[in-house]
Amino acid sequence: MADVHATARPRSNAARICTIIGFVFAAIAIFVPFLGLVGLILGIVGAVLGDKPLGWYAAAASVAGAVLGYLLAVAILNG
């Protein structure tokens, strides 16, 4: 039988849903930067609930989307 670690938390449907919504907010954060914070939170929640690599990727993508959105807004407003 496979050796399953007791500390590993199994991935749930809620974790995958939080991760997917986190990626959606990461994409929207390019146009509405403050939604990057929501995507960051959802990515972290997805990772903590068990969707380990993708949850952290969603959190990082949300931060990157928010930063890109802020830079885009500054370029448009000062251009």
PDB file of N, CA and C in Angstrom:
ATOM      1  N   MET A   1       0.819  -1.176   0.000  1.00  0.00           N
ATOM      2  CA  MET A   1       0.000   0.000   0.000  1.00  0.00           C
ATOM      3  C   MET A   1       0.870   1.249   0.000  1.00  0.00           C
ATOM      4  N   ALA A   2       0.351   2.330  -0.471  1.00  0.00           N
ATOM      5  CA  ALA A   2       1.106   3.585  -0.543  1.00  0.00           C
ATOM      6  C   ALA A   2       1.314   4.160   0.845  1.00  0.00           C
ATOM      7  N   ASP A   3       2.472   4.740   1.046  1.00  0.00           N
ATOM      8  CA  ASP A   3       2.793   5.367   2.319  1.00  0.00           C
ATOM      9  C   ASP A   3       2.250   6.796   2.309  1.00  0.00           C
ATOM     10  N   VAL A   4       1.175   7.033   3.031  1.00  0.00           N
ATOM     11  CA  VAL A   4       0.540   8.345   3.073  1.00  0.00           C
ATOM     12  C   VAL A   4       0.982   9.052   4.350  1.00  0.00           C
ATOM     13  N   HIS A   5       1.467  10.262   4.213  1.00  0.00           N
ATOM     14  CA  HIS A   5       1.897  11.029   5.376  1.00  0.00           C
ATOM     15  C   HIS A   5       0.684  11.519   6.155  1.00  0.00           C
ATOM     16  N   ALA A   6       0.773  11.464   7.437  1.00  0.00           N
ATOM     17  CA  ALA A   6      -0.338  11.899   8.286  1.00  0.00           C
ATOM     18  C   ALA A   6      -0.504  13.412   8.262  1.00  0.00           C
ATOM     19  N   THR A   7       0.569  14.142   7.961  1.00  0.00           N
ATOM     20  CA  THR A   7       0.471  15.598   7.972  1.00  0.00           C
ATOM     21  C   THR A   7      -0.076  16.149   6.660  1.00  0.00           C
ATOM     22  N   ALA A   8      -0.104  15.336   5.620  1.00  0.00           N
ATOM     23  CA  ALA A   8      -0.612  15.806   4.328  1.00  0.00           C
ATOM     24  C   ALA A   8      -2.132  15.885   4.377  1.00  0.00           C
ATOM     25  N   ARG A   9      -2.641  17.013   3.991  1.00  0.00           N
ATOM     26  CA  ARG A   9      -4.083  17.210   3.985  1.00  0.00           C
ATOM     27  C   ARG A   9      -4.620  16.861   2.603  1.00  0.00           C
ATOM     28  N   PRO A  10      -5.641  16.008   2.521  1.00  0.00           N
ATOM     29  CA  PRO A  10      -6.160  15.646   1.196  1.00  0.00           C
ATOM     30  C   PRO A  10      -6.860  16.831   0.530  1.00  0.00           C
ATOM     31  N   ARG A  11      -6.725  16.886  -0.795  1.00  0.00           N
ATOM     32  CA  ARG A  11      -7.343  17.975  -1.546  1.00  0.00           C
ATOM     33  C   ARG A  11      -8.857  17.774  -1.564  1.00  0.00           C
ATOM     34  N   SER A  12      -9.592  18.840  -1.337  1.00  0.00           N
ATOM     35  CA  SER A  12     -11.040  18.774  -1.374  1.00  0.00           C
ATOM     36  C   SER A  12     -11.557  19.586  -2.559  1.00  0.00           C
ATOM     37  N   ASN A  13     -12.833  19.430  -2.838  1.00  0.00           N
ATOM     38  CA  ASN A  13     -13.439  20.224  -3.910  1.00  0.00           C
ATOM     39  C   ASN A  13     -13.429  21.705  -3.561  1.00  0.00           C
ATOM     40  N   ALA A  14     -13.591  22.028  -2.288  1.00  0.00           N
ATOM     41  CA  ALA A  14     -13.576  23.435  -1.871  1.00  0.00           C
ATOM     42  C   ALA A  14     -12.215  24.061  -2.128  1.00  0.00           C
ATOM     43  N   ALA A  15     -11.154  23.291  -1.937  1.00  0.00           N
ATOM     44  CA  ALA A  15      -9.811  23.805  -2.197  1.00  0.00           C
ATOM     45  C   ALA A  15      -9.628  24.111  -3.675  1.00  0.00           C
ATOM     46  N   ARG A  16     -10.083  23.209  -4.532  1.00  0.00           N
ATOM     47  CA  ARG A  16      -9.924  23.431  -5.974  1.00  0.00           C
ATOM     48  C   ARG A  16     -10.782  24.603  -6.434  1.00  0.00           C
ATOM     49  N   ILE A  17     -11.978  24.755  -5.874  1.00  0.00           N
ATOM     50  CA  ILE A  17     -12.847  25.871  -6.251  1.00  0.00           C
ATOM     51  C   ILE A  17     -12.213  27.196  -5.836  1.00  0.00           C
ATOM     52  N   CYS A  18     -11.648  27.263  -4.631  1.00  0.00           N
ATOM     53  CA  CYS A  18     -10.972  28.489  -4.182  1.00  0.00           C
ATOM     54  C   CYS A  18      -9.793  28.814  -5.079  1.00  0.00           C
ATOM     55  N   THR A  19      -9.055  27.791  -5.499  1.00  0.00           N
ATOM     56  CA  THR A  19      -7.900  28.013  -6.364  1.00  0.00           C
ATOM     57  C   THR A  19      -8.333  28.533  -7.726  1.00  0.00           C
ATOM     58  N   ILE A  20      -9.361  27.946  -8.301  1.00  0.00           N
ATOM     59  CA  ILE A  20      -9.845  28.382  -9.620  1.00  0.00           C
ATOM     60  C   ILE A  20     -10.348  29.811  -9.551  1.00  0.00           C
ATOM     61  N   ILE A  21     -11.123  30.131  -8.522  1.00  0.00           N
ATOM     62  CA  ILE A  21     -11.623  31.495  -8.382  1.00  0.00           C
ATOM     63  C   ILE A  21     -10.474  32.465  -8.123  1.00  0.00           C
ATOM     64  N   GLY A  22      -9.435  32.001  -7.417  1.00  0.00           N
ATOM     65  CA  GLY A  22      -8.244  32.822  -7.211  1.00  0.00           C
ATOM     66  C   GLY A  22      -7.572  33.175  -8.523  1.00  0.00           C
ATOM     67  N   PHE A  23      -7.478  32.205  -9.453  1.00  0.00           N
ATOM     68  CA  PHE A  23      -6.911  32.488 -10.773  1.00  0.00           C
ATOM     69  C   PHE A  23      -7.788  33.452 -11.566  1.00  0.00           C
ATOM     70  N   VAL A  24      -9.105  33.324 -11.429  1.00  0.00           N
ATOM     71  CA  VAL A  24     -10.013  34.240 -12.122  1.00  0.00           C
ATOM     72  C   VAL A  24      -9.815  35.668 -11.610  1.00  0.00           C
ATOM     73  N   PHE A  25      -9.713  35.819 -10.298  1.00  0.00           N
ATOM     74  CA  PHE A  25      -9.472  37.143  -9.732  1.00  0.00           C
ATOM     75  C   PHE A  25      -8.089  37.670 -10.092  1.00  0.00           C
ATOM     76  N   ALA A  26      -7.134  36.774 -10.292  1.00  0.00           N
ATOM     77  CA  ALA A  26      -5.802  37.204 -10.731  1.00  0.00           C
ATOM     78  C   ALA A  26      -5.880  37.826 -12.118  1.00  0.00           C
ATOM     79  N   ALA A  27      -6.684  37.253 -12.990  1.00  0.00           N
ATOM     80  CA  ALA A  27      -6.848  37.816 -14.332  1.00  0.00           C
ATOM     81  C   ALA A  27      -7.618  39.133 -14.291  1.00  0.00           C
ATOM     82  N   ILE A  28      -8.633  39.200 -13.455  1.00  0.00           N
ATOM     83  CA  ILE A  28      -9.430  40.420 -13.346  1.00  0.00           C
ATOM     84  C   ILE A  28      -8.617  41.539 -12.685  1.00  0.00           C
ATOM     85  N   ALA A  29      -7.650  41.163 -11.839  1.00  0.00           N
ATOM     86  CA  ALA A  29      -6.848  42.155 -11.114  1.00  0.00           C
ATOM     87  C   ALA A  29      -6.020  43.020 -12.047  1.00  0.00           C
ATOM     88  N   ILE A  30      -5.795  42.575 -13.270  1.00  0.00           N
ATOM     89  CA  ILE A  30      -5.071  43.404 -14.228  1.00  0.00           C
ATOM     90  C   ILE A  30      -5.877  44.664 -14.541  1.00  0.00           C
ATOM     91  N   PHE A  31      -7.191  44.547 -14.534  1.00  0.00           N
ATOM     92  CA  PHE A  31      -8.066  45.676 -14.855  1.00  0.00           C
ATOM     93  C   PHE A  31      -8.645  46.347 -13.614  1.00  0.00           C
ATOM     94  N   VAL A  32      -8.805  45.599 -12.532  1.00  0.00           N
ATOM     95  CA  VAL A  32      -9.326  46.123 -11.261  1.00  0.00           C
ATOM     96  C   VAL A  32      -8.348  45.668 -10.170  1.00  0.00           C
ATOM     97  N   PRO A  33      -7.284  46.444  -9.934  1.00  0.00           N
ATOM     98  CA  PRO A  33      -6.170  45.963  -9.104  1.00  0.00           C
ATOM     99  C   PRO A  33      -6.520  45.539  -7.683  1.00  0.00           C
ATOM    100  N   PHE A  34      -7.511  46.154  -7.054  1.00  0.00           N
ATOM    101  CA  PHE A  34      -7.783  45.789  -5.666  1.00  0.00           C
ATOM    102  C   PHE A  34      -8.369  44.385  -5.540  1.00  0.00           C
ATOM    103  N   LEU A  35      -8.829  43.797  -6.638  1.00  0.00           N
ATOM    104  CA  LEU A  35      -9.314  42.419  -6.588  1.00  0.00           C
ATOM    105  C   LEU A  35      -8.166  41.417  -6.494  1.00  0.00           C
ATOM    106  N   GLY A  36      -6.951  41.885  -6.670  1.00  0.00           N
ATOM    107  CA  GLY A  36      -5.797  41.022  -6.466  1.00  0.00           C
ATOM    108  C   GLY A  36      -5.698  40.538  -5.031  1.00  0.00           C
ATOM    109  N   LEU A  37      -6.129  41.357  -4.087  1.00  0.00           N
ATOM    110  CA  LEU A  37      -6.131  40.958  -2.682  1.00  0.00           C
ATOM    111  C   LEU A  37      -7.103  39.799  -2.456  1.00  0.00           C
ATOM    112  N   VAL A  38      -8.258  39.858  -3.094  1.00  0.00           N
ATOM    113  CA  VAL A  38      -9.238  38.769  -2.983  1.00  0.00           C
ATOM    114  C   VAL A  38      -8.654  37.487  -3.573  1.00  0.00           C
ATOM    115  N   GLY A  39      -7.996  37.602  -4.732  1.00  0.00           N
ATOM    116  CA  GLY A  39      -7.369  36.436  -5.342  1.00  0.00           C
ATOM    117  C   GLY A  39      -6.251  35.876  -4.482  1.00  0.00           C
ATOM    118  N   LEU A  40      -5.493  36.755  -3.841  1.00  0.00           N
ATOM    119  CA  LEU A  40      -4.429  36.321  -2.936  1.00  0.00           C
ATOM    120  C   LEU A  40      -5.008  35.500  -1.788  1.00  0.00           C
ATOM    121  N   ILE A  41      -6.065  36.001  -1.183  1.00  0.00           N
ATOM    122  CA  ILE A  41      -6.696  35.301  -0.059  1.00  0.00           C
ATOM    123  C   ILE A  41      -7.257  33.959  -0.512  1.00  0.00           C
ATOM    124  N   LEU A  42      -7.933  33.943  -1.665  1.00  0.00           N
ATOM    125  CA  LEU A  42      -8.494  32.680  -2.153  1.00  0.00           C
ATOM    126  C   LEU A  42      -7.404  31.674  -2.508  1.00  0.00           C
ATOM    127  N   GLY A  43      -6.299  32.143  -3.061  1.00  0.00           N
ATOM    128  CA  GLY A  43      -5.196  31.237  -3.365  1.00  0.00           C
ATOM    129  C   GLY A  43      -4.601  30.627  -2.105  1.00  0.00           C
ATOM    130  N   ILE A  44      -4.430  31.450  -1.079  1.00  0.00           N
ATOM    131  CA  ILE A  44      -3.894  30.941   0.187  1.00  0.00           C
ATOM    132  C   ILE A  44      -4.859  29.950   0.825  1.00  0.00           C
ATOM    133  N   VAL A  45      -6.149  30.266   0.790  1.00  0.00           N
ATOM    134  CA  VAL A  45      -7.150  29.352   1.345  1.00  0.00           C
ATOM    135  C   VAL A  45      -7.137  28.028   0.585  1.00  0.00           C
ATOM    136  N   GLY A  46      -7.048  28.098  -0.744  1.00  0.00           N
ATOM    137  CA  GLY A  46      -6.982  26.871  -1.540  1.00  0.00           C
ATOM    138  C   GLY A  46      -5.760  26.042  -1.200  1.00  0.00           C
ATOM    139  N   ALA A  47      -4.624  26.690  -1.001  1.00  0.00           N
ATOM    140  CA  ALA A  47      -3.399  25.963  -0.652  1.00  0.00           C
ATOM    141  C   ALA A  47      -3.501  25.341   0.735  1.00  0.00           C
ATOM    142  N   VAL A  48      -4.062  26.072   1.675  1.00  0.00           N
ATOM    143  CA  VAL A  48      -4.180  25.555   3.035  1.00  0.00           C
ATOM    144  C   VAL A  48      -5.173  24.389   3.095  1.00  0.00           C
ATOM    145  N   LEU A  49      -6.207  24.447   2.269  1.00  0.00           N
ATOM    146  CA  LEU A  49      -7.192  23.364   2.254  1.00  0.00           C
ATOM    147  C   LEU A  49      -6.690  22.112   1.541  1.00  0.00           C
ATOM    148  N   GLY A  50      -5.543  22.200   0.866  1.00  0.00           N
ATOM    149  CA  GLY A  50      -4.973  20.989   0.301  1.00  0.00           C
ATOM    150  C   GLY A  50      -4.595  21.052  -1.160  1.00  0.00           C
ATOM    151  N   ASP A  51      -4.927  22.096  -1.860  1.00  0.00           N
ATOM    152  CA  ASP A  51      -4.564  22.211  -3.270  1.00  0.00           C
ATOM    153  C   ASP A  51      -3.210  22.915  -3.345  1.00  0.00           C
ATOM    154  N   LYS A  52      -2.168  22.199  -2.882  1.00  0.00           N
ATOM    155  CA  LYS A  52      -0.879  22.819  -2.574  1.00  0.00           C
ATOM    156  C   LYS A  52      -0.225  23.596  -3.702  1.00  0.00           C
ATOM    157  N   PRO A  53       0.193  23.010  -4.786  1.00  0.00           N
ATOM    158  CA  PRO A  53       0.973  23.861  -5.698  1.00  0.00           C
ATOM    159  C   PRO A  53       0.118  24.901  -6.395  1.00  0.00           C
ATOM    160  N   LEU A  54      -1.083  24.527  -6.815  1.00  0.00           N
ATOM    161  CA  LEU A  54      -1.907  25.470  -7.573  1.00  0.00           C
ATOM    162  C   LEU A  54      -2.428  26.613  -6.713  1.00  0.00           C
ATOM    163  N   GLY A  55      -2.698  26.357  -5.464  1.00  0.00           N
ATOM    164  CA  GLY A  55      -3.155  27.425  -4.571  1.00  0.00           C
ATOM    165  C   GLY A  55      -2.105  28.509  -4.406  1.00  0.00           C
ATOM    166  N   TRP A  56      -0.855  28.085  -4.232  1.00  0.00           N
ATOM    167  CA  TRP A  56       0.225  29.067  -4.099  1.00  0.00           C
ATOM    168  C   TRP A  56       0.465  29.789  -5.415  1.00  0.00           C
ATOM    169  N   TYR A  57       0.304  29.074  -6.539  1.00  0.00           N
ATOM    170  CA  TYR A  57       0.446  29.730  -7.846  1.00  0.00           C
ATOM    171  C   TYR A  57      -0.648  30.768  -8.054  1.00  0.00           C
ATOM    172  N   ALA A  58      -1.866  30.471  -7.617  1.00  0.00           N
ATOM    173  CA  ALA A  58      -2.964  31.431  -7.741  1.00  0.00           C
ATOM    174  C   ALA A  58      -2.694  32.663  -6.885  1.00  0.00           C
ATOM    175  N   ALA A  59      -2.150  32.457  -5.695  1.00  0.00           N
ATOM    176  CA  ALA A  59      -1.824  33.591  -4.824  1.00  0.00           C
ATOM    177  C   ALA A  59      -0.751  34.468  -5.469  1.00  0.00           C
ATOM    178  N   ALA A  60       0.277  33.844  -6.017  1.00  0.00           N
ATOM    179  CA  ALA A  60       1.344  34.604  -6.668  1.00  0.00           C
ATOM    180  C   ALA A  60       0.841  35.317  -7.920  1.00  0.00           C
ATOM    181  N   ALA A  61      -0.017  34.643  -8.683  1.00  0.00           N
ATOM    182  CA  ALA A  61      -0.571  35.262  -9.890  1.00  0.00           C
ATOM    183  C   ALA A  61      -1.452  36.451  -9.528  1.00  0.00           C
ATOM    184  N   SER A  62      -2.146  36.376  -8.418  1.00  0.00           N
ATOM    185  CA  SER A  62      -2.985  37.492  -7.980  1.00  0.00           C
ATOM    186  C   SER A  62      -2.144  38.704  -7.606  1.00  0.00           C
ATOM    187  N   VAL A  63      -1.039  38.466  -6.924  1.00  0.00           N
ATOM    188  CA  VAL A  63      -0.145  39.573  -6.581  1.00  0.00           C
ATOM    189  C   VAL A  63       0.433  40.182  -7.854  1.00  0.00           C
ATOM    190  N   ALA A  64       0.865  39.328  -8.776  1.00  0.00           N
ATOM    191  CA  ALA A  64       1.426  39.820 -10.039  1.00  0.00           C
ATOM    192  C   ALA A  64       0.378  40.586 -10.845  1.00  0.00           C
ATOM    193  N   GLY A  65      -0.847  40.094 -10.863  1.00  0.00           N
ATOM    194  CA  GLY A  65      -1.917  40.787 -11.571  1.00  0.00           C
ATOM    195  C   GLY A  65      -2.241  42.135 -10.959  1.00  0.00           C
ATOM    196  N   ALA A  66      -2.235  42.197  -9.631  1.00  0.00           N
ATOM    197  CA  ALA A  66      -2.506  43.469  -8.954  1.00  0.00           C
ATOM    198  C   ALA A  66      -1.403  44.482  -9.222  1.00  0.00           C
ATOM    199  N   VAL A  67      -0.149  44.032  -9.161  1.00  0.00           N
ATOM    200  CA  VAL A  67       0.973  44.938  -9.427  1.00  0.00           C
ATOM    201  C   VAL A  67       0.917  45.422 -10.875  1.00  0.00           C
ATOM    202  N   LEU A  68       0.649  44.514 -11.796  1.00  0.00           N
ATOM    203  CA  LEU A  68       0.525  44.893 -13.202  1.00  0.00           C
ATOM    204  C   LEU A  68      -0.636  45.861 -13.408  1.00  0.00           C
ATOM    205  N   GLY A  69      -1.738  45.629 -12.712  1.00  0.00           N
ATOM    206  CA  GLY A  69      -2.885  46.524 -12.796  1.00  0.00           C
ATOM    207  C   GLY A  69      -2.574  47.913 -12.269  1.00  0.00           C
ATOM    208  N   TYR A  70      -1.866  47.978 -11.140  1.00  0.00           N
ATOM    209  CA  TYR A  70      -1.487  49.283 -10.601  1.00  0.00           C
ATOM    210  C   TYR A  70      -0.542  50.028 -11.553  1.00  0.00           C
ATOM    211  N   LEU A  71       0.422  49.309 -12.109  1.00  0.00           N
ATOM    212  CA  LEU A  71       1.344  49.933 -13.056  1.00  0.00           C
ATOM    213  C   LEU A  71       0.613  50.413 -14.304  1.00  0.00           C
ATOM    214  N   LEU A  72      -0.330  49.633 -14.777  1.00  0.00           N
ATOM    215  CA  LEU A  72      -1.128  50.025 -15.939  1.00  0.00           C
ATOM    216  C   LEU A  72      -1.967  51.264 -15.622  1.00  0.00           C
ATOM    217  N   ALA A  73      -2.558  51.299 -14.432  1.00  0.00           N
ATOM    218  CA  ALA A  73      -3.362  52.462 -14.038  1.00  0.00           C
ATOM    219  C   ALA A  73      -2.513  53.720 -13.916  1.00  0.00           C
ATOM    220  N   VAL A  74      -1.333  53.591 -13.357  1.00  0.00           N
ATOM    221  CA  VAL A  74      -0.430  54.744 -13.236  1.00  0.00           C
ATOM    222  C   VAL A  74      -0.001  55.218 -14.606  1.00  0.00           C
ATOM    223  N   ALA A  75       0.296  54.294 -15.495  1.00  0.00           N
ATOM    224  CA  ALA A  75       0.709  54.684 -16.861  1.00  0.00           C
ATOM    225  C   ALA A  75      -0.420  55.397 -17.614  1.00  0.00           C
ATOM    226  N   ILE A  76      -1.642  54.935 -17.419  1.00  0.00           N
ATOM    227  CA  ILE A  76      -2.769  55.558 -18.105  1.00  0.00           C
ATOM    228  C   ILE A  76      -3.086  56.927 -17.502  1.00  0.00           C
ATOM    229  N   LEU A  77      -3.073  57.030 -16.191  1.00  0.00           N
ATOM    230  CA  LEU A  77      -3.431  58.289 -15.545  1.00  0.00           C
ATOM    231  C   LEU A  77      -2.357  59.365 -15.706  1.00  0.00           C
ATOM    232  N   ASN A  78      -1.099  58.964 -15.823  1.00  0.00           N
ATOM    233  CA  ASN A  78      -0.018  59.939 -15.970  1.00  0.00           C
ATOM    234  C   ASN A  78       0.419  60.107 -17.414  1.00  0.00           C
ATOM    235  N   GLY A  79      -0.203  59.354 -18.315  1.00  0.00           N
ATOM    236  CA  GLY A  79       0.236  59.388 -19.701  1.00  0.00           C
ATOM    237  C   GLY A  79      -0.327  60.529 -20.424  1.00  0.00           C
TER     238      GLY A  79
END
